[in-house]
């Protein structure tokens, strides 16, 4: 992924999907991650972790 994920948009979309949509937190985070082009929440969080550790955008 060539752009930095939008954390605020991720959290907002996940919260809406969870509380208004009735999804579990896991399902809501997967939905929010896919909306930003990730395979799911695990890939989203891993990208962010790599970014923080490496101090540069992951490949």
PDB file of N, CA and C in Angstrom:
ATOM      1  N   UNK A   1       0.859  -1.179   0.000  1.00  0.00           N
ATOM      2  CA  UNK A   1       0.000   0.000   0.000  1.00  0.00           C
ATOM      3  C   UNK A   1       0.898   1.232   0.000  1.00  0.00           C
ATOM      4  N   UNK A   2       0.568   2.197  -0.788  1.00  0.00           N
ATOM      5  CA  UNK A   2       1.437   3.359  -0.951  1.00  0.00           C
ATOM      6  C   UNK A   2       1.006   4.578  -0.147  1.00  0.00           C
ATOM      7  N   UNK A   3      -0.096   4.497   0.558  1.00  0.00           N
ATOM      8  CA  UNK A   3      -0.518   5.650   1.340  1.00  0.00           C
ATOM      9  C   UNK A   3      -0.698   5.258   2.796  1.00  0.00           C
ATOM     10  N   UNK A   4      -0.597   6.240   3.654  1.00  0.00           N
ATOM     11  CA  UNK A   4      -0.773   5.993   5.078  1.00  0.00           C
ATOM     12  C   UNK A   4      -2.261   5.849   5.375  1.00  0.00           C
ATOM     13  N   UNK A   5      -2.639   4.806   6.107  1.00  0.00           N
ATOM     14  CA  UNK A   5      -4.054   4.622   6.444  1.00  0.00           C
ATOM     15  C   UNK A   5      -4.590   5.795   7.262  1.00  0.00           C
ATOM     16  N   UNK A   6      -5.866   6.048   7.104  1.00  0.00           N
ATOM     17  CA  UNK A   6      -6.540   7.108   7.855  1.00  0.00           C
ATOM     18  C   UNK A   6      -7.114   6.488   9.129  1.00  0.00           C
ATOM     19  N   UNK A   7      -6.404   6.668  10.238  1.00  0.00           N
ATOM     20  CA  UNK A   7      -6.786   6.040  11.500  1.00  0.00           C
ATOM     21  C   UNK A   7      -8.141   6.558  11.988  1.00  0.00           C
ATOM     22  N   UNK A   8      -8.364   7.852  11.863  1.00  0.00           N
ATOM     23  CA  UNK A   8      -9.653   8.412  12.311  1.00  0.00           C
ATOM     24  C   UNK A   8     -10.823   7.820  11.532  1.00  0.00           C
ATOM     25  N   UNK A   9     -10.666   7.715  10.219  1.00  0.00           N
ATOM     26  CA  UNK A   9     -11.735   7.140   9.394  1.00  0.00           C
ATOM     27  C   UNK A   9     -11.945   5.668   9.732  1.00  0.00           C
ATOM     28  N   UNK A  10     -10.856   4.951   9.980  1.00  0.00           N
ATOM     29  CA  UNK A  10     -10.948   3.547  10.359  1.00  0.00           C
ATOM     30  C   UNK A  10     -11.748   3.389  11.646  1.00  0.00           C
ATOM     31  N   UNK A  11     -11.380   4.154  12.664  1.00  0.00           N
ATOM     32  CA  UNK A  11     -12.060   4.046  13.961  1.00  0.00           C
ATOM     33  C   UNK A  11     -13.532   4.446  13.857  1.00  0.00           C
ATOM     34  N   UNK A  12     -13.812   5.497  13.104  1.00  0.00           N
ATOM     35  CA  UNK A  12     -15.194   5.945  12.961  1.00  0.00           C
ATOM     36  C   UNK A  12     -16.042   4.907  12.232  1.00  0.00           C
ATOM     37  N   UNK A  13     -15.513   4.391  11.126  1.00  0.00           N
ATOM     38  CA  UNK A  13     -16.268   3.400  10.349  1.00  0.00           C
ATOM     39  C   UNK A  13     -16.498   2.136  11.175  1.00  0.00           C
ATOM     40  N   UNK A  14     -15.473   1.708  11.915  1.00  0.00           N
ATOM     41  CA  UNK A  14     -15.608   0.502  12.740  1.00  0.00           C
ATOM     42  C   UNK A  14     -16.650   0.717  13.840  1.00  0.00           C
ATOM     43  N   UNK A  15     -16.616   1.877  14.472  1.00  0.00           N
ATOM     44  CA  UNK A  15     -17.578   2.164  15.546  1.00  0.00           C
ATOM     45  C   UNK A  15     -19.008   2.188  15.024  1.00  0.00           C
ATOM     46  N   UNK A  16     -19.212   2.826  13.886  1.00  0.00           N
ATOM     47  CA  UNK A  16     -20.561   2.886  13.301  1.00  0.00           C
ATOM     48  C   UNK A  16     -21.036   1.484  12.930  1.00  0.00           C
ATOM     49  N   UNK A  17     -20.155   0.708  12.310  1.00  0.00           N
ATOM     50  CA  UNK A  17     -20.541  -0.650  11.909  1.00  0.00           C
ATOM     51  C   UNK A  17     -20.846  -1.522  13.118  1.00  0.00           C
ATOM     52  N   UNK A  18     -20.104  -1.304  14.197  1.00  0.00           N
ATOM     53  CA  UNK A  18     -20.325  -2.099  15.398  1.00  0.00           C
ATOM     54  C   UNK A  18     -21.624  -1.705  16.104  1.00  0.00           C
ATOM     55  N   UNK A  19     -21.784  -0.425  16.370  1.00  0.00           N
ATOM     56  CA  UNK A  19     -22.920   0.012  17.180  1.00  0.00           C
ATOM     57  C   UNK A  19     -24.211   0.176  16.388  1.00  0.00           C
ATOM     58  N   UNK A  20     -24.133   0.742  15.205  1.00  0.00           N
ATOM     59  CA  UNK A  20     -25.338   0.931  14.403  1.00  0.00           C
ATOM     60  C   UNK A  20     -25.630  -0.269  13.514  1.00  0.00           C
ATOM     61  N   UNK A  21     -24.571  -0.955  13.092  1.00  0.00           N
ATOM     62  CA  UNK A  21     -24.747  -2.078  12.182  1.00  0.00           C
ATOM     63  C   UNK A  21     -24.891  -3.418  12.870  1.00  0.00           C
ATOM     64  N   UNK A  22     -24.593  -3.450  14.176  1.00  0.00           N
ATOM     65  CA  UNK A  22     -24.742  -4.688  14.922  1.00  0.00           C
ATOM     66  C   UNK A  22     -23.648  -5.716  14.688  1.00  0.00           C
ATOM     67  N   UNK A  23     -22.524  -5.294  14.103  1.00  0.00           N
ATOM     68  CA  UNK A  23     -21.423  -6.223  13.877  1.00  0.00           C
ATOM     69  C   UNK A  23     -20.593  -6.374  15.146  1.00  0.00           C
ATOM     70  N   UNK A  24     -19.879  -7.488  15.239  1.00  0.00           N
ATOM     71  CA  UNK A  24     -18.920  -7.633  16.331  1.00  0.00           C
ATOM     72  C   UNK A  24     -17.772  -6.654  16.071  1.00  0.00           C
ATOM     73  N   UNK A  25     -16.965  -6.374  17.083  1.00  0.00           N
ATOM     74  CA  UNK A  25     -15.841  -5.451  16.894  1.00  0.00           C
ATOM     75  C   UNK A  25     -14.891  -5.974  15.826  1.00  0.00           C
ATOM     76  N   UNK A  26     -14.647  -7.271  15.835  1.00  0.00           N
ATOM     77  CA  UNK A  26     -13.759  -7.883  14.848  1.00  0.00           C
ATOM     78  C   UNK A  26     -14.299  -7.709  13.427  1.00  0.00           C
ATOM     79  N   UNK A  27     -15.581  -7.990  13.236  1.00  0.00           N
ATOM     80  CA  UNK A  27     -16.202  -7.822  11.919  1.00  0.00           C
ATOM     81  C   UNK A  27     -16.177  -6.358  11.482  1.00  0.00           C
ATOM     82  N   UNK A  28     -16.430  -5.458  12.426  1.00  0.00           N
ATOM     83  CA  UNK A  28     -16.447  -4.026  12.117  1.00  0.00           C
ATOM     84  C   UNK A  28     -15.065  -3.538  11.712  1.00  0.00           C
ATOM     85  N   UNK A  29     -14.032  -3.994  12.415  1.00  0.00           N
ATOM     86  CA  UNK A  29     -12.667  -3.584  12.063  1.00  0.00           C
ATOM     87  C   UNK A  29     -12.257  -4.159  10.712  1.00  0.00           C
ATOM     88  N   UNK A  30     -12.672  -5.381  10.415  1.00  0.00           N
ATOM     89  CA  UNK A  30     -12.374  -5.950   9.095  1.00  0.00           C
ATOM     90  C   UNK A  30     -13.036  -5.130   7.994  1.00  0.00           C
ATOM     91  N   UNK A  31     -14.268  -4.731   8.207  1.00  0.00           N
ATOM     92  CA  UNK A  31     -14.982  -3.891   7.246  1.00  0.00           C
ATOM     93  C   UNK A  31     -14.261  -2.564   7.042  1.00  0.00           C
ATOM     94  N   UNK A  32     -13.869  -1.925   8.132  1.00  0.00           N
ATOM     95  CA  UNK A  32     -13.183  -0.633   8.054  1.00  0.00           C
ATOM     96  C   UNK A  32     -11.824  -0.766   7.365  1.00  0.00           C
ATOM     97  N   UNK A  33     -11.127  -1.844   7.624  1.00  0.00           N
ATOM     98  CA  UNK A  33      -9.824  -2.064   6.985  1.00  0.00           C
ATOM     99  C   UNK A  33      -9.981  -2.287   5.489  1.00  0.00           C
ATOM    100  N   UNK A  34     -10.984  -3.084   5.108  1.00  0.00           N
ATOM    101  CA  UNK A  34     -11.216  -3.333   3.675  1.00  0.00           C
ATOM    102  C   UNK A  34     -11.611  -2.051   2.948  1.00  0.00           C
ATOM    103  N   UNK A  35     -12.291  -1.151   3.636  1.00  0.00           N
ATOM    104  CA  UNK A  35     -12.677   0.123   3.021  1.00  0.00           C
ATOM    105  C   UNK A  35     -11.455   0.967   2.662  1.00  0.00           C
ATOM    106  N   UNK A  36     -10.330   0.684   3.314  1.00  0.00           N
ATOM    107  CA  UNK A  36      -9.103   1.420   3.015  1.00  0.00           C
ATOM    108  C   UNK A  36      -8.124   0.603   2.163  1.00  0.00           C
ATOM    109  N   UNK A  37      -8.600  -0.513   1.643  1.00  0.00           N
ATOM    110  CA  UNK A  37      -7.796  -1.293   0.715  1.00  0.00           C
ATOM    111  C   UNK A  37      -6.978  -2.407   1.328  1.00  0.00           C
ATOM    112  N   UNK A  38      -7.201  -2.725   2.593  1.00  0.00           N
ATOM    113  CA  UNK A  38      -6.488  -3.814   3.245  1.00  0.00           C
ATOM    114  C   UNK A  38      -7.316  -5.089   3.162  1.00  0.00           C
ATOM    115  N   UNK A  39      -6.659  -6.224   3.303  1.00  0.00           N
ATOM    116  CA  UNK A  39      -7.359  -7.509   3.277  1.00  0.00           C
ATOM    117  C   UNK A  39      -8.253  -7.684   4.496  1.00  0.00           C
ATOM    118  N   UNK A  40      -7.890  -7.069   5.584  1.00  0.00           N
ATOM    119  CA  UNK A  40      -8.661  -7.156   6.820  1.00  0.00           C
ATOM    120  C   UNK A  40      -7.954  -6.394   7.922  1.00  0.00           C
ATOM    121  N   UNK A  41      -8.498  -6.476   9.121  1.00  0.00           N
ATOM    122  CA  UNK A  41      -7.954  -5.719  10.253  1.00  0.00           C
ATOM    123  C   UNK A  41      -6.538  -6.153  10.610  1.00  0.00           C
ATOM    124  N   UNK A  42      -6.243  -7.443  10.512  1.00  0.00           N
ATOM    125  CA  UNK A  42      -4.890  -7.897  10.834  1.00  0.00           C
ATOM    126  C   UNK A  42      -3.858  -7.232   9.928  1.00  0.00           C
ATOM    127  N   UNK A  43      -4.153  -7.156   8.641  1.00  0.00           N
ATOM    128  CA  UNK A  43      -3.234  -6.513   7.695  1.00  0.00           C
ATOM    129  C   UNK A  43      -3.120  -5.021   7.970  1.00  0.00           C
ATOM    130  N   UNK A  44      -4.232  -4.405   8.333  1.00  0.00           N
ATOM    131  CA  UNK A  44      -4.241  -2.974   8.673  1.00  0.00           C
ATOM    132  C   UNK A  44      -3.341  -2.709   9.871  1.00  0.00           C
ATOM    133  N   UNK A  45      -3.550  -3.438  10.973  1.00  0.00           N
ATOM    134  CA  UNK A  45      -2.759  -3.222  12.189  1.00  0.00           C
ATOM    135  C   UNK A  45      -1.293  -3.571  11.970  1.00  0.00           C
ATOM    136  N   UNK A  46      -1.025  -4.596  11.150  1.00  0.00           N
ATOM    137  CA  UNK A  46       0.369  -4.957  10.871  1.00  0.00           C
ATOM    138  C   UNK A  46       1.068  -3.848  10.094  1.00  0.00           C
ATOM    139  N   UNK A  47       0.370  -3.236   9.127  1.00  0.00           N
ATOM    140  CA  UNK A  47       0.947  -2.127   8.370  1.00  0.00           C
ATOM    141  C   UNK A  47       1.325  -0.993   9.324  1.00  0.00           C
ATOM    142  N   UNK A  48       0.416  -0.653  10.223  1.00  0.00           N
ATOM    143  CA  UNK A  48       0.691   0.419  11.175  1.00  0.00           C
ATOM    144  C   UNK A  48       1.853   0.070  12.101  1.00  0.00           C
ATOM    145  N   UNK A  49       1.902  -1.168  12.577  1.00  0.00           N
ATOM    146  CA  UNK A  49       3.004  -1.597  13.452  1.00  0.00           C
ATOM    147  C   UNK A  49       4.338  -1.504  12.721  1.00  0.00           C
ATOM    148  N   UNK A  50       4.371  -1.968  11.488  1.00  0.00           N
ATOM    149  CA  UNK A  50       5.602  -1.890  10.697  1.00  0.00           C
ATOM    150  C   UNK A  50       6.012  -0.445  10.476  1.00  0.00           C
ATOM    151  N   UNK A  51       5.052   0.411  10.234  1.00  0.00           N
ATOM    152  CA  UNK A  51       5.319   1.833  10.017  1.00  0.00           C
ATOM    153  C   UNK A  51       5.953   2.453  11.266  1.00  0.00           C
ATOM    154  N   UNK A  52       5.410   2.149  12.417  1.00  0.00           N
ATOM    155  CA  UNK A  52       5.927   2.712  13.666  1.00  0.00           C
ATOM    156  C   UNK A  52       7.335   2.192  13.953  1.00  0.00           C
ATOM    157  N   UNK A  53       7.543   0.893  13.778  1.00  0.00           N
ATOM    158  CA  UNK A  53       8.839   0.288  14.084  1.00  0.00           C
ATOM    159  C   UNK A  53       9.916   0.751  13.099  1.00  0.00           C
ATOM    160  N   UNK A  54       9.599   0.748  11.817  1.00  0.00           N
ATOM    161  CA  UNK A  54      10.588   1.068  10.780  1.00  0.00           C
ATOM    162  C   UNK A  54      10.723   2.557  10.492  1.00  0.00           C
ATOM    163  N   UNK A  55       9.755   3.365  10.954  1.00  0.00           N
ATOM    164  CA  UNK A  55       9.743   4.800  10.714  1.00  0.00           C
ATOM    165  C   UNK A  55       9.733   5.146   9.230  1.00  0.00           C
ATOM    166  N   UNK A  56       9.118   4.264   8.459  1.00  0.00           N
ATOM    167  CA  UNK A  56       8.928   4.506   7.025  1.00  0.00           C
ATOM    168  C   UNK A  56       7.768   3.647   6.552  1.00  0.00           C
ATOM    169  N   UNK A  57       7.242   3.980   5.407  1.00  0.00           N
ATOM    170  CA  UNK A  57       6.091   3.248   4.888  1.00  0.00           C
ATOM    171  C   UNK A  57       6.514   1.844   4.466  1.00  0.00           C
ATOM    172  N   UNK A  58       5.788   0.817   4.934  1.00  0.00           N
ATOM    173  CA  UNK A  58       6.088  -0.551   4.518  1.00  0.00           C
ATOM    174  C   UNK A  58       5.832  -0.759   3.032  1.00  0.00           C
ATOM    175  N   UNK A  59       6.426  -1.791   2.491  1.00  0.00           N
ATOM    176  CA  UNK A  59       6.217  -2.136   1.078  1.00  0.00           C
ATOM    177  C   UNK A  59       4.906  -2.793   0.873  1.00  0.00           C
TER     178      UNK A  59
END
